[in-house]
Amino acid sequence: MAAPVQKVVVVNGNAEVLGMLEAVLDAGRYDMVFVESSDHAYAQIRKVRPHLVIVCANIAEPGAFLLLTMLKLDPETRDIPVLTHTRTFERNGHQGAGVVAQPAEDEEDLLPGRPAPALRMN
């Protein structure tokens, strides 16, 4: 007996994400629905009722983050597992300021600098 087909909605996916999904998800076991814009994704997700939602978020565009909030606030969608893929962005061929281009080597690289202890004034 064949395993049931799982529904997956991919929001704002690009060629990079598509390649990653092909490597991870077996095409015969998953029914993939691609939604190009976060603006229309919420209605599509409610309609399709997928087993998994993959949201490709761009730091410069808050629409994906609004979608994540809406999905978690709605009792009908809050139990759907959501995988987020955060992309960096480019402007005029240059990477945006403050964008993490490489993962941190060490956990301490993620923490802000620790302040020096206060000097005793009396």
PDB file of N, CA and C in Angstrom:
ATOM      1  N   MET A   1       0.850  -1.182   0.000  1.00  0.00           N
ATOM      2  CA  MET A   1       0.000   0.000   0.000  1.00  0.00           C
ATOM      3  C   MET A   1       0.896   1.245   0.000  1.00  0.00           C
ATOM      4  N   ALA A   2       0.603   2.166  -0.866  1.00  0.00           N
ATOM      5  CA  ALA A   2       1.410   3.382  -1.012  1.00  0.00           C
ATOM      6  C   ALA A   2       1.121   4.342   0.137  1.00  0.00           C
ATOM      7  N   ALA A   3       2.155   5.065   0.544  1.00  0.00           N
ATOM      8  CA  ALA A   3       2.006   6.068   1.596  1.00  0.00           C
ATOM      9  C   ALA A   3       1.186   7.233   1.060  1.00  0.00           C
ATOM     10  N   PRO A   4       0.357   7.846   1.914  1.00  0.00           N
ATOM     11  CA  PRO A   4      -0.434   8.980   1.436  1.00  0.00           C
ATOM     12  C   PRO A   4       0.464  10.152   1.055  1.00  0.00           C
ATOM     13  N   VAL A   5      -0.005  10.919   0.083  1.00  0.00           N
ATOM     14  CA  VAL A   5       0.746  12.090  -0.378  1.00  0.00           C
ATOM     15  C   VAL A   5       0.560  13.219   0.635  1.00  0.00           C
ATOM     16  N   GLN A   6       1.661  13.828   1.028  1.00  0.00           N
ATOM     17  CA  GLN A   6       1.647  14.945   1.972  1.00  0.00           C
ATOM     18  C   GLN A   6       1.614  16.257   1.191  1.00  0.00           C
ATOM     19  N   LYS A   7       0.839  17.216   1.660  1.00  0.00           N
ATOM     20  CA  LYS A   7       0.770  18.527   1.015  1.00  0.00           C
ATOM     21  C   LYS A   7       1.770  19.474   1.667  1.00  0.00           C
ATOM     22  N   VAL A   8       2.528  20.181   0.832  1.00  0.00           N
ATOM     23  CA  VAL A   8       3.509  21.155   1.300  1.00  0.00           C
ATOM     24  C   VAL A   8       3.291  22.456   0.533  1.00  0.00           C
ATOM     25  N   VAL A   9       3.167  23.566   1.254  1.00  0.00           N
ATOM     26  CA  VAL A   9       3.064  24.883   0.624  1.00  0.00           C
ATOM     27  C   VAL A   9       4.402  25.592   0.801  1.00  0.00           C
ATOM     28  N   VAL A  10       4.949  26.093  -0.308  1.00  0.00           N
ATOM     29  CA  VAL A  10       6.209  26.838  -0.299  1.00  0.00           C
ATOM     30  C   VAL A  10       5.891  28.286  -0.664  1.00  0.00           C
ATOM     31  N   VAL A  11       6.235  29.212   0.233  1.00  0.00           N
ATOM     32  CA  VAL A  11       5.939  30.632   0.035  1.00  0.00           C
ATOM     33  C   VAL A  11       7.225  31.371  -0.312  1.00  0.00           C
ATOM     34  N   ASN A  12       7.193  32.139  -1.394  1.00  0.00           N
ATOM     35  CA  ASN A  12       8.333  32.949  -1.851  1.00  0.00           C
ATOM     36  C   ASN A  12       9.559  32.113  -2.210  1.00  0.00           C
ATOM     37  N   GLY A  13       9.352  30.909  -2.674  1.00  0.00           N
ATOM     38  CA  GLY A  13      10.475  30.046  -3.039  1.00  0.00           C
ATOM     39  C   GLY A  13      11.182  30.540  -4.288  1.00  0.00           C
ATOM     40  N   ASN A  14      12.491  30.290  -4.366  1.00  0.00           N
ATOM     41  CA  ASN A  14      13.267  30.637  -5.553  1.00  0.00           C
ATOM     42  C   ASN A  14      13.999  29.388  -6.028  1.00  0.00           C
ATOM     43  N   ALA A  15      14.848  29.511  -7.023  1.00  0.00           N
ATOM     44  CA  ALA A  15      15.555  28.358  -7.587  1.00  0.00           C
ATOM     45  C   ALA A  15      16.426  27.666  -6.542  1.00  0.00           C
ATOM     46  N   GLU A  16      17.047  28.441  -5.666  1.00  0.00           N
ATOM     47  CA  GLU A  16      17.890  27.872  -4.604  1.00  0.00           C
ATOM     48  C   GLU A  16      17.068  26.973  -3.682  1.00  0.00           C
ATOM     49  N   VAL A  17      15.909  27.458  -3.280  1.00  0.00           N
ATOM     50  CA  VAL A  17      15.039  26.702  -2.384  1.00  0.00           C
ATOM     51  C   VAL A  17      14.488  25.475  -3.099  1.00  0.00           C
ATOM     52  N   LEU A  18      14.112  25.640  -4.344  1.00  0.00           N
ATOM     53  CA  LEU A  18      13.598  24.517  -5.125  1.00  0.00           C
ATOM     54  C   LEU A  18      14.629  23.401  -5.215  1.00  0.00           C
ATOM     55  N   GLY A  19      15.887  23.752  -5.453  1.00  0.00           N
ATOM     56  CA  GLY A  19      16.954  22.754  -5.501  1.00  0.00           C
ATOM     57  C   GLY A  19      17.127  22.049  -4.169  1.00  0.00           C
ATOM     58  N   MET A  20      17.032  22.802  -3.083  1.00  0.00           N
ATOM     59  CA  MET A  20      17.151  22.218  -1.752  1.00  0.00           C
ATOM     60  C   MET A  20      16.002  21.250  -1.484  1.00  0.00           C
ATOM     61  N   LEU A  21      14.797  21.644  -1.869  1.00  0.00           N
ATOM     62  CA  LEU A  21      13.635  20.796  -1.629  1.00  0.00           C
ATOM     63  C   LEU A  21      13.697  19.508  -2.429  1.00  0.00           C
ATOM     64  N   GLU A  22      14.149  19.585  -3.675  1.00  0.00           N
ATOM     65  CA  GLU A  22      14.264  18.382  -4.497  1.00  0.00           C
ATOM     66  C   GLU A  22      15.230  17.388  -3.875  1.00  0.00           C
ATOM     67  N   ALA A  23      16.272  17.900  -3.242  1.00  0.00           N
ATOM     68  CA  ALA A  23      17.255  17.018  -2.614  1.00  0.00           C
ATOM     69  C   ALA A  23      16.711  16.383  -1.336  1.00  0.00           C
ATOM     70  N   VAL A  24      15.801  17.076  -0.662  1.00  0.00           N
ATOM     71  CA  VAL A  24      15.314  16.602   0.633  1.00  0.00           C
ATOM     72  C   VAL A  24      13.984  15.859   0.530  1.00  0.00           C
ATOM     73  N   LEU A  25      13.078  16.370  -0.266  1.00  0.00           N
ATOM     74  CA  LEU A  25      11.739  15.791  -0.353  1.00  0.00           C
ATOM     75  C   LEU A  25      11.605  14.894  -1.574  1.00  0.00           C
ATOM     76  N   ASP A  26      11.120  13.697  -1.357  1.00  0.00           N
ATOM     77  CA  ASP A  26      10.875  12.749  -2.442  1.00  0.00           C
ATOM     78  C   ASP A  26       9.649  13.225  -3.222  1.00  0.00           C
ATOM     79  N   ALA A  27       9.835  13.514  -4.495  1.00  0.00           N
ATOM     80  CA  ALA A  27       8.773  14.110  -5.321  1.00  0.00           C
ATOM     81  C   ALA A  27       7.499  13.270  -5.349  1.00  0.00           C
ATOM     82  N   GLY A  28       7.589  11.970  -5.282  1.00  0.00           N
ATOM     83  CA  GLY A  28       6.408  11.116  -5.355  1.00  0.00           C
ATOM     84  C   GLY A  28       5.566  11.112  -4.100  1.00  0.00           C
ATOM     85  N   ARG A  29       6.112  11.574  -2.998  1.00  0.00           N
ATOM     86  CA  ARG A  29       5.385  11.522  -1.732  1.00  0.00           C
ATOM     87  C   ARG A  29       4.831  12.868  -1.295  1.00  0.00           C
ATOM     88  N   TYR A  30       5.162  13.931  -2.026  1.00  0.00           N
ATOM     89  CA  TYR A  30       4.740  15.267  -1.611  1.00  0.00           C
ATOM     90  C   TYR A  30       4.065  16.004  -2.755  1.00  0.00           C
ATOM     91  N   ASP A  31       2.937  16.623  -2.442  1.00  0.00           N
ATOM     92  CA  ASP A  31       2.235  17.486  -3.387  1.00  0.00           C
ATOM     93  C   ASP A  31       2.645  18.914  -3.037  1.00  0.00           C
ATOM     94  N   MET A  32       3.472  19.511  -3.893  1.00  0.00           N
ATOM     95  CA  MET A  32       4.027  20.836  -3.624  1.00  0.00           C
ATOM     96  C   MET A  32       3.145  21.922  -4.242  1.00  0.00           C
ATOM     97  N   VAL A  33       2.818  22.934  -3.454  1.00  0.00           N
ATOM     98  CA  VAL A  33       2.073  24.099  -3.922  1.00  0.00           C
ATOM     99  C   VAL A  33       2.972  25.309  -3.699  1.00  0.00           C
ATOM    100  N   PHE A  34       3.256  26.041  -4.771  1.00  0.00           N
ATOM    101  CA  PHE A  34       4.127  27.213  -4.678  1.00  0.00           C
ATOM    102  C   PHE A  34       3.281  28.480  -4.720  1.00  0.00           C
ATOM    103  N   VAL A  35       3.518  29.369  -3.758  1.00  0.00           N
ATOM    104  CA  VAL A  35       2.838  30.655  -3.691  1.00  0.00           C
ATOM    105  C   VAL A  35       3.923  31.715  -3.806  1.00  0.00           C
ATOM    106  N   GLU A  36       3.804  32.576  -4.809  1.00  0.00           N
ATOM    107  CA  GLU A  36       4.868  33.539  -5.104  1.00  0.00           C
ATOM    108  C   GLU A  36       4.940  34.714  -4.145  1.00  0.00           C
ATOM    109  N   SER A  37       3.863  35.029  -3.468  1.00  0.00           N
ATOM    110  CA  SER A  37       3.849  36.232  -2.640  1.00  0.00           C
ATOM    111  C   SER A  37       3.299  35.929  -1.253  1.00  0.00           C
ATOM    112  N   SER A  38       3.900  36.525  -0.246  1.00  0.00           N
ATOM    113  CA  SER A  38       3.392  36.384   1.120  1.00  0.00           C
ATOM    114  C   SER A  38       1.999  36.989   1.249  1.00  0.00           C
ATOM    115  N   ASP A  39       1.683  37.961   0.386  1.00  0.00           N
ATOM    116  CA  ASP A  39       0.396  38.650   0.456  1.00  0.00           C
ATOM    117  C   ASP A  39      -0.784  37.708   0.232  1.00  0.00           C
ATOM    118  N   HIS A  40      -0.614  36.698  -0.614  1.00  0.00           N
ATOM    119  CA  HIS A  40      -1.704  35.780  -0.938  1.00  0.00           C
ATOM    120  C   HIS A  40      -1.540  34.427  -0.258  1.00  0.00           C
ATOM    121  N   ALA A  41      -0.478  34.240   0.466  1.00  0.00           N
ATOM    122  CA  ALA A  41      -0.158  32.929   1.025  1.00  0.00           C
ATOM    123  C   ALA A  41      -1.135  32.490   2.112  1.00  0.00           C
ATOM    124  N   TYR A  42      -1.557  33.399   2.951  1.00  0.00           N
ATOM    125  CA  TYR A  42      -2.431  33.029   4.069  1.00  0.00           C
ATOM    126  C   TYR A  42      -3.721  32.381   3.573  1.00  0.00           C
ATOM    127  N   ALA A  43      -4.372  33.012   2.599  1.00  0.00           N
ATOM    128  CA  ALA A  43      -5.612  32.456   2.050  1.00  0.00           C
ATOM    129  C   ALA A  43      -5.359  31.103   1.387  1.00  0.00           C
ATOM    130  N   GLN A  44      -4.251  30.982   0.686  1.00  0.00           N
ATOM    131  CA  GLN A  44      -3.922  29.726   0.008  1.00  0.00           C
ATOM    132  C   GLN A  44      -3.661  28.609   1.028  1.00  0.00           C
ATOM    133  N   ILE A  45      -2.974  28.929   2.104  1.00  0.00           N
ATOM    134  CA  ILE A  45      -2.679  27.929   3.140  1.00  0.00           C
ATOM    135  C   ILE A  45      -3.967  27.462   3.809  1.00  0.00           C
ATOM    136  N   ARG A  46      -4.867  28.381   4.095  1.00  0.00           N
ATOM    137  CA  ARG A  46      -6.165  27.987   4.688  1.00  0.00           C
ATOM    138  C   ARG A  46      -6.956  27.104   3.734  1.00  0.00           C
ATOM    139  N   LYS A  47      -6.852  27.386   2.443  1.00  0.00           N
ATOM    140  CA  LYS A  47      -7.585  26.608   1.436  1.00  0.00           C
ATOM    141  C   LYS A  47      -6.984  25.209   1.254  1.00  0.00           C
ATOM    142  N   VAL A  48      -5.668  25.118   1.146  1.00  0.00           N
ATOM    143  CA  VAL A  48      -4.983  23.849   0.861  1.00  0.00           C
ATOM    144  C   VAL A  48      -4.910  22.950   2.097  1.00  0.00           C
ATOM    145  N   ARG A  49      -4.777  23.547   3.290  1.00  0.00           N
ATOM    146  CA  ARG A  49      -4.612  22.802   4.546  1.00  0.00           C
ATOM    147  C   ARG A  49      -3.425  21.844   4.465  1.00  0.00           C
ATOM    148  N   PRO A  50      -2.219  22.373   4.263  1.00  0.00           N
ATOM    149  CA  PRO A  50      -1.043  21.523   4.065  1.00  0.00           C
ATOM    150  C   PRO A  50      -0.562  20.856   5.356  1.00  0.00           C
ATOM    151  N   HIS A  51       0.299  19.860   5.171  1.00  0.00           N
ATOM    152  CA  HIS A  51       0.942  19.189   6.298  1.00  0.00           C
ATOM    153  C   HIS A  51       2.185  19.955   6.753  1.00  0.00           C
ATOM    154  N   LEU A  52       2.731  20.794   5.865  1.00  0.00           N
ATOM    155  CA  LEU A  52       3.932  21.574   6.155  1.00  0.00           C
ATOM    156  C   LEU A  52       3.902  22.852   5.330  1.00  0.00           C
ATOM    157  N   VAL A  53       4.361  23.957   5.931  1.00  0.00           N
ATOM    158  CA  VAL A  53       4.515  25.223   5.218  1.00  0.00           C
ATOM    159  C   VAL A  53       5.989  25.604   5.282  1.00  0.00           C
ATOM    160  N   ILE A  54       6.561  25.947   4.136  1.00  0.00           N
ATOM    161  CA  ILE A  54       7.935  26.429   4.070  1.00  0.00           C
ATOM    162  C   ILE A  54       7.870  27.886   3.625  1.00  0.00           C
ATOM    163  N   VAL A  55       8.348  28.782   4.481  1.00  0.00           N
ATOM    164  CA  VAL A  55       8.308  30.217   4.190  1.00  0.00           C
ATOM    165  C   VAL A  55       9.733  30.706   3.968  1.00  0.00           C
ATOM    166  N   CYS A  56       9.973  31.257   2.796  1.00  0.00           N
ATOM    167  CA  CYS A  56      11.273  31.848   2.470  1.00  0.00           C
ATOM    168  C   CYS A  56      11.160  33.340   2.765  1.00  0.00           C
ATOM    169  N   ALA A  57      11.777  33.749   3.847  1.00  0.00           N
ATOM    170  CA  ALA A  57      11.650  35.133   4.306  1.00  0.00           C
ATOM    171  C   ALA A  57      12.859  35.944   3.886  1.00  0.00           C
ATOM    172  N   ASN A  58      12.601  37.174   3.495  1.00  0.00           N
ATOM    173  CA  ASN A  58      13.658  38.118   3.166  1.00  0.00           C
ATOM    174  C   ASN A  58      13.638  39.186   4.253  1.00  0.00           C
ATOM    175  N   ILE A  59      14.777  39.435   4.850  1.00  0.00           N
ATOM    176  CA  ILE A  59      14.869  40.384   5.959  1.00  0.00           C
ATOM    177  C   ILE A  59      14.282  41.750   5.587  1.00  0.00           C
ATOM    178  N   ALA A  60      14.446  42.158   4.341  1.00  0.00           N
ATOM    179  CA  ALA A  60      14.006  43.488   3.914  1.00  0.00           C
ATOM    180  C   ALA A  60      12.500  43.572   3.679  1.00  0.00           C
ATOM    181  N   GLU A  61      11.812  42.435   3.628  1.00  0.00           N
ATOM    182  CA  GLU A  61      10.382  42.433   3.335  1.00  0.00           C
ATOM    183  C   GLU A  61       9.621  41.817   4.504  1.00  0.00           C
ATOM    184  N   PRO A  62       8.836  42.607   5.228  1.00  0.00           N
ATOM    185  CA  PRO A  62       8.159  42.108   6.424  1.00  0.00           C
ATOM    186  C   PRO A  62       6.950  41.217   6.153  1.00  0.00           C
ATOM    187  N   GLY A  63       6.531  41.061   4.904  1.00  0.00           N
ATOM    188  CA  GLY A  63       5.341  40.274   4.594  1.00  0.00           C
ATOM    189  C   GLY A  63       5.401  38.845   5.092  1.00  0.00           C
ATOM    190  N   ALA A  64       6.545  38.204   4.973  1.00  0.00           N
ATOM    191  CA  ALA A  64       6.682  36.818   5.420  1.00  0.00           C
ATOM    192  C   ALA A  64       6.540  36.719   6.935  1.00  0.00           C
ATOM    193  N   PHE A  65       7.052  37.704   7.652  1.00  0.00           N
ATOM    194  CA  PHE A  65       6.966  37.680   9.109  1.00  0.00           C
ATOM    195  C   PHE A  65       5.534  37.939   9.571  1.00  0.00           C
ATOM    196  N   LEU A  66       4.809  38.770   8.839  1.00  0.00           N
ATOM    197  CA  LEU A  66       3.391  38.982   9.116  1.00  0.00           C
ATOM    198  C   LEU A  66       2.623  37.685   8.878  1.00  0.00           C
ATOM    199  N   LEU A  67       2.952  36.975   7.805  1.00  0.00           N
ATOM    200  CA  LEU A  67       2.316  35.687   7.508  1.00  0.00           C
ATOM    201  C   LEU A  67       2.536  34.704   8.655  1.00  0.00           C
ATOM    202  N   LEU A  68       3.758  34.615   9.163  1.00  0.00           N
ATOM    203  CA  LEU A  68       4.054  33.704  10.270  1.00  0.00           C
ATOM    204  C   LEU A  68       3.197  34.033  11.491  1.00  0.00           C
ATOM    205  N   THR A  69       3.035  35.311  11.773  1.00  0.00           N
ATOM    206  CA  THR A  69       2.213  35.734  12.903  1.00  0.00           C
ATOM    207  C   THR A  69       0.761  35.332  12.692  1.00  0.00           C
ATOM    208  N   MET A  70       0.240  35.575  11.498  1.00  0.00           N
ATOM    209  CA  MET A  70      -1.149  35.232  11.197  1.00  0.00           C
ATOM    210  C   MET A  70      -1.386  33.727  11.322  1.00  0.00           C
ATOM    211  N   LEU A  71      -0.448  32.928  10.838  1.00  0.00           N
ATOM    212  CA  LEU A  71      -0.597  31.472  10.915  1.00  0.00           C
ATOM    213  C   LEU A  71      -0.654  30.994  12.363  1.00  0.00           C
ATOM    214  N   LYS A  72       0.150  31.587  13.227  1.00  0.00           N
ATOM    215  CA  LYS A  72       0.176  31.160  14.626  1.00  0.00           C
ATOM    216  C   LYS A  72      -1.013  31.692  15.430  1.00  0.00           C
ATOM    217  N   LEU A  73      -1.601  32.808  15.017  1.00  0.00           N
ATOM    218  CA  LEU A  73      -2.757  33.359  15.724  1.00  0.00           C
ATOM    219  C   LEU A  73      -4.065  32.669  15.346  1.00  0.00           C
ATOM    220  N   ASP A  74      -4.123  32.074  14.174  1.00  0.00           N
ATOM    221  CA  ASP A  74      -5.344  31.433  13.683  1.00  0.00           C
ATOM    222  C   ASP A  74      -5.452  30.011  14.248  1.00  0.00           C
ATOM    223  N   PRO A  75      -6.528  29.699  14.973  1.00  0.00           N
ATOM    224  CA  PRO A  75      -6.679  28.352  15.528  1.00  0.00           C
ATOM    225  C   PRO A  75      -6.691  27.247  14.462  1.00  0.00           C
ATOM    226  N   GLU A  76      -7.106  27.577  13.238  1.00  0.00           N
ATOM    227  CA  GLU A  76      -7.162  26.572  12.171  1.00  0.00           C
ATOM    228  C   GLU A  76      -5.801  26.298  11.537  1.00  0.00           C
ATOM    229  N   THR A  77      -4.835  27.189  11.714  1.00  0.00           N
ATOM    230  CA  THR A  77      -3.523  26.999  11.079  1.00  0.00           C
ATOM    231  C   THR A  77      -2.371  26.909  12.073  1.00  0.00           C
ATOM    232  N   ARG A  78      -2.607  27.182  13.339  1.00  0.00           N
ATOM    233  CA  ARG A  78      -1.491  27.250  14.298  1.00  0.00           C
ATOM    234  C   ARG A  78      -0.771  25.927  14.515  1.00  0.00           C
ATOM    235  N   ASP A  79      -1.426  24.805  14.236  1.00  0.00           N
ATOM    236  CA  ASP A  79      -0.788  23.504  14.444  1.00  0.00           C
ATOM    237  C   ASP A  79      -0.044  22.987  13.213  1.00  0.00           C
ATOM    238  N   ILE A  80      -0.074  23.732  12.124  1.00  0.00           N
ATOM    239  CA  ILE A  80       0.669  23.330  10.921  1.00  0.00           C
ATOM    240  C   ILE A  80       2.149  23.627  11.156  1.00  0.00           C
ATOM    241  N   PRO A  81       3.022  22.634  11.003  1.00  0.00           N
ATOM    242  CA  PRO A  81       4.459  22.906  11.154  1.00  0.00           C
ATOM    243  C   PRO A  81       4.937  23.889  10.086  1.00  0.00           C
ATOM    244  N   VAL A  82       5.786  24.821  10.497  1.00  0.00           N
ATOM    245  CA  VAL A  82       6.312  25.838   9.586  1.00  0.00           C
ATOM    246  C   VAL A  82       7.836  25.806   9.640  1.00  0.00           C
ATOM    247  N   LEU A  83       8.435  25.725   8.466  1.00  0.00           N
ATOM    248  CA  LEU A  83       9.889  25.800   8.331  1.00  0.00           C
ATOM    249  C   LEU A  83      10.205  27.135   7.677  1.00  0.00           C
ATOM    250  N   THR A  84      11.090  27.913   8.273  1.00  0.00           N
ATOM    251  CA  THR A  84      11.457  29.195   7.674  1.00  0.00           C
ATOM    252  C   THR A  84      12.872  29.125   7.122  1.00  0.00           C
ATOM    253  N   HIS A  85      13.036  29.751   5.988  1.00  0.00           N
ATOM    254  CA  HIS A  85      14.347  29.868   5.345  1.00  0.00           C
ATOM    255  C   HIS A  85      14.569  31.362   5.149  1.00  0.00           C
ATOM    256  N   THR A  86      15.500  31.929   5.899  1.00  0.00           N
ATOM    257  CA  THR A  86      15.750  33.365   5.821  1.00  0.00           C
ATOM    258  C   THR A  86      16.861  33.635   4.832  1.00  0.00           C
ATOM    259  N   ARG A  87      16.556  34.484   3.863  1.00  0.00           N
ATOM    260  CA  ARG A  87      17.528  34.828   2.824  1.00  0.00           C
ATOM    261  C   ARG A  87      18.119  36.191   3.102  1.00  0.00           C
ATOM    262  N   THR A  88      19.358  36.362   2.660  1.00  0.00           N
ATOM    263  CA  THR A  88      19.945  37.693   2.671  1.00  0.00           C
ATOM    264  C   THR A  88      19.443  38.409   1.429  1.00  0.00           C
ATOM    265  N   PHE A  89      19.674  39.689   1.354  1.00  0.00           N
ATOM    266  CA  PHE A  89      19.212  40.441   0.195  1.00  0.00           C
ATOM    267  C   PHE A  89      20.344  41.279  -0.356  1.00  0.00           C
ATOM    268  N   GLU A  90      20.158  41.693  -1.593  1.00  0.00           N
ATOM    269  CA  GLU A  90      21.145  42.548  -2.236  1.00  0.00           C
ATOM    270  C   GLU A  90      20.450  43.784  -2.775  1.00  0.00           C
ATOM    271  N   ARG A  91      21.166  44.898  -2.705  1.00  0.00           N
ATOM    272  CA  ARG A  91      20.663  46.144  -3.291  1.00  0.00           C
ATOM    273  C   ARG A  91      21.728  46.669  -4.223  1.00  0.00           C
ATOM    274  N   ASN A  92      21.356  46.889  -5.453  1.00  0.00           N
ATOM    275  CA  ASN A  92      22.282  47.421  -6.455  1.00  0.00           C
ATOM    276  C   ASN A  92      23.581  46.619  -6.526  1.00  0.00           C
ATOM    277  N   GLY A  93      23.463  45.321  -6.376  1.00  0.00           N
ATOM    278  CA  GLY A  93      24.638  44.465  -6.482  1.00  0.00           C
ATOM    279  C   GLY A  93      25.493  44.407  -5.238  1.00  0.00           C
ATOM    280  N   HIS A  94      25.117  45.155  -4.197  1.00  0.00           N
ATOM    281  CA  HIS A  94      25.882  45.142  -2.952  1.00  0.00           C
ATOM    282  C   HIS A  94      25.018  44.549  -1.857  1.00  0.00           C
ATOM    283  N   GLN A  95      25.654  43.804  -1.019  1.00  0.00           N
ATOM    284  CA  GLN A  95      24.909  43.211   0.071  1.00  0.00           C
ATOM    285  C   GLN A  95      24.474  44.296   1.046  1.00  0.00           C
ATOM    286  N   GLY A  96      23.268  44.173   1.590  1.00  0.00           N
ATOM    287  CA  GLY A  96      22.753  45.170   2.514  1.00  0.00           C
ATOM    288  C   GLY A  96      23.541  45.226   3.806  1.00  0.00           C
ATOM    289  N   ALA A  97      23.538  46.369   4.416  1.00  0.00           N
ATOM    290  CA  ALA A  97      24.269  46.556   5.673  1.00  0.00           C
ATOM    291  C   ALA A  97      23.635  45.717   6.769  1.00  0.00           C
ATOM    292  N   GLY A  98      24.466  45.119   7.571  1.00  0.00           N
ATOM    293  CA  GLY A  98      23.978  44.359   8.708  1.00  0.00           C
ATOM    294  C   GLY A  98      23.492  42.964   8.377  1.00  0.00           C
ATOM    295  N   VAL A  99      23.688  42.502   7.177  1.00  0.00           N
ATOM    296  CA  VAL A  99      23.233  41.170   6.792  1.00  0.00           C
ATOM    297  C   VAL A  99      24.317  40.164   7.131  1.00  0.00           C
ATOM    298  N   VAL A 100      23.931  39.095   7.797  1.00  0.00           N
ATOM    299  CA  VAL A 100      24.888  38.049   8.139  1.00  0.00           C
ATOM    300  C   VAL A 100      25.122  37.204   6.900  1.00  0.00           C
ATOM    301  N   ALA A 101      26.333  37.230   6.379  1.00  0.00           N
ATOM    302  CA  ALA A 101      26.650  36.499   5.159  1.00  0.00           C
ATOM    303  C   ALA A 101      27.229  35.127   5.456  1.00  0.00           C
ATOM    304  N   GLN A 102      27.758  34.936   6.655  1.00  0.00           N
ATOM    305  CA  GLN A 102      28.331  33.659   7.040  1.00  0.00           C
ATOM    306  C   GLN A 102      27.840  33.317   8.437  1.00  0.00           C
ATOM    307  N   PRO A 103      27.679  32.026   8.722  1.00  0.00           N
ATOM    308  CA  PRO A 103      27.264  31.657  10.070  1.00  0.00           C
ATOM    309  C   PRO A 103      28.369  31.967  11.075  1.00  0.00           C
ATOM    310  N   ALA A 104      27.976  32.212  12.295  1.00  0.00           N
ATOM    311  CA  ALA A 104      28.945  32.489  13.352  1.00  0.00           C
ATOM    312  C   ALA A 104      29.751  31.235  13.644  1.00  0.00           C
ATOM    313  N   GLU A 105      31.022  31.414  13.899  1.00  0.00           N
ATOM    314  CA  GLU A 105      31.900  30.292  14.225  1.00  0.00           C
ATOM    315  C   GLU A 105      31.664  29.805  15.648  1.00  0.00           C
ATOM    316  N   ASP A 106      31.286  30.712  16.509  1.00  0.00           N
ATOM    317  CA  ASP A 106      31.176  30.394  17.920  1.00  0.00           C
ATOM    318  C   ASP A 106      29.955  31.115  18.476  1.00  0.00           C
ATOM    319  N   GLU A 107      29.347  30.532  19.492  1.00  0.00           N
ATOM    320  CA  GLU A 107      28.172  31.152  20.094  1.00  0.00           C
ATOM    321  C   GLU A 107      28.476  32.561  20.589  1.00  0.00           C
ATOM    322  N   GLU A 108      29.685  32.791  21.065  1.00  0.00           N
ATOM    323  CA  GLU A 108      30.038  34.117  21.571  1.00  0.00           C
ATOM    324  C   GLU A 108      30.071  35.164  20.464  1.00  0.00           C
ATOM    325  N   ASP A 109      30.215  34.735  19.205  1.00  0.00           N
ATOM    326  CA  ASP A 109      30.178  35.678  18.090  1.00  0.00           C
ATOM    327  C   ASP A 109      28.796  36.303  17.947  1.00  0.00           C
ATOM    328  N   LEU A 110      27.766  35.624  18.459  1.00  0.00           N
ATOM    329  CA  LEU A 110      26.401  36.113  18.342  1.00  0.00           C
ATOM    330  C   LEU A 110      26.021  37.061  19.475  1.00  0.00           C
ATOM    331  N   LEU A 111      26.763  36.998  20.564  1.00  0.00           N
ATOM    332  CA  LEU A 111      26.433  37.800  21.734  1.00  0.00           C
ATOM    333  C   LEU A 111      27.070  39.176  21.645  1.00  0.00           C
ATOM    334  N   PRO A 112      26.369  40.195  22.139  1.00  0.00           N
ATOM    335  CA  PRO A 112      26.993  41.521  22.150  1.00  0.00           C
ATOM    336  C   PRO A 112      28.159  41.523  23.129  1.00  0.00           C
ATOM    337  N   GLY A 113      29.067  42.460  22.926  1.00  0.00           N
ATOM    338  CA  GLY A 113      30.229  42.554  23.814  1.00  0.00           C
ATOM    339  C   GLY A 113      29.797  42.747  25.254  1.00  0.00           C
ATOM    340  N   ARG A 114      30.465  42.080  26.140  1.00  0.00           N
ATOM    341  CA  ARG A 114      30.133  42.210  27.559  1.00  0.00           C
ATOM    342  C   ARG A 114      30.756  43.495  28.097  1.00  0.00           C
ATOM    343  N   PRO A 115      29.971  44.272  28.840  1.00  0.00           N
ATOM    344  CA  PRO A 115      30.535  45.508  29.392  1.00  0.00           C
ATOM    345  C   PRO A 115      31.543  45.186  30.489  1.00  0.00           C
ATOM    346  N   ALA A 116      32.500  46.066  30.637  1.00  0.00           N
ATOM    347  CA  ALA A 116      33.485  45.914  31.708  1.00  0.00           C
ATOM    348  C   ALA A 116      32.797  46.192  33.036  1.00  0.00           C
ATOM    349  N   PRO A 117      33.238  45.542  34.108  1.00  0.00           N
ATOM    350  CA  PRO A 117      32.616  45.817  35.410  1.00  0.00           C
ATOM    351  C   PRO A 117      32.808  47.285  35.795  1.00  0.00           C
ATOM    352  N   ALA A 118      31.834  47.802  36.507  1.00  0.00           N
ATOM    353  CA  ALA A 118      31.895  49.207  36.934  1.00  0.00           C
ATOM    354  C   ALA A 118      33.034  49.405  37.924  1.00  0.00           C
ATOM    355  N   LEU A 119      33.684  50.548  37.817  1.00  0.00           N
ATOM    356  CA  LEU A 119      34.745  50.891  38.758  1.00  0.00           C
ATOM    357  C   LEU A 119      34.123  51.490  40.009  1.00  0.00           C
ATOM    358  N   ARG A 120      34.698  51.180  41.105  1.00  0.00           N
ATOM    359  CA  ARG A 120      34.190  51.712  42.367  1.00  0.00           C
ATOM    360  C   ARG A 120      34.554  53.192  42.475  1.00  0.00           C
ATOM    361  N   MET A 121      33.580  54.021  42.761  1.00  0.00           N
ATOM    362  CA  MET A 121      33.796  55.462  42.782  1.00  0.00           C
ATOM    363  C   MET A 121      34.092  56.000  44.177  1.00  0.00           C
ATOM    364  N   ASN A 122      33.880  55.258  45.258  1.00  0.00           N
ATOM    365  CA  ASN A 122      34.119  55.801  46.596  1.00  0.00           C
ATOM    366  C   ASN A 122      35.285  55.162  47.278  1.00  0.00           C
TER     367      ASN A 122
END
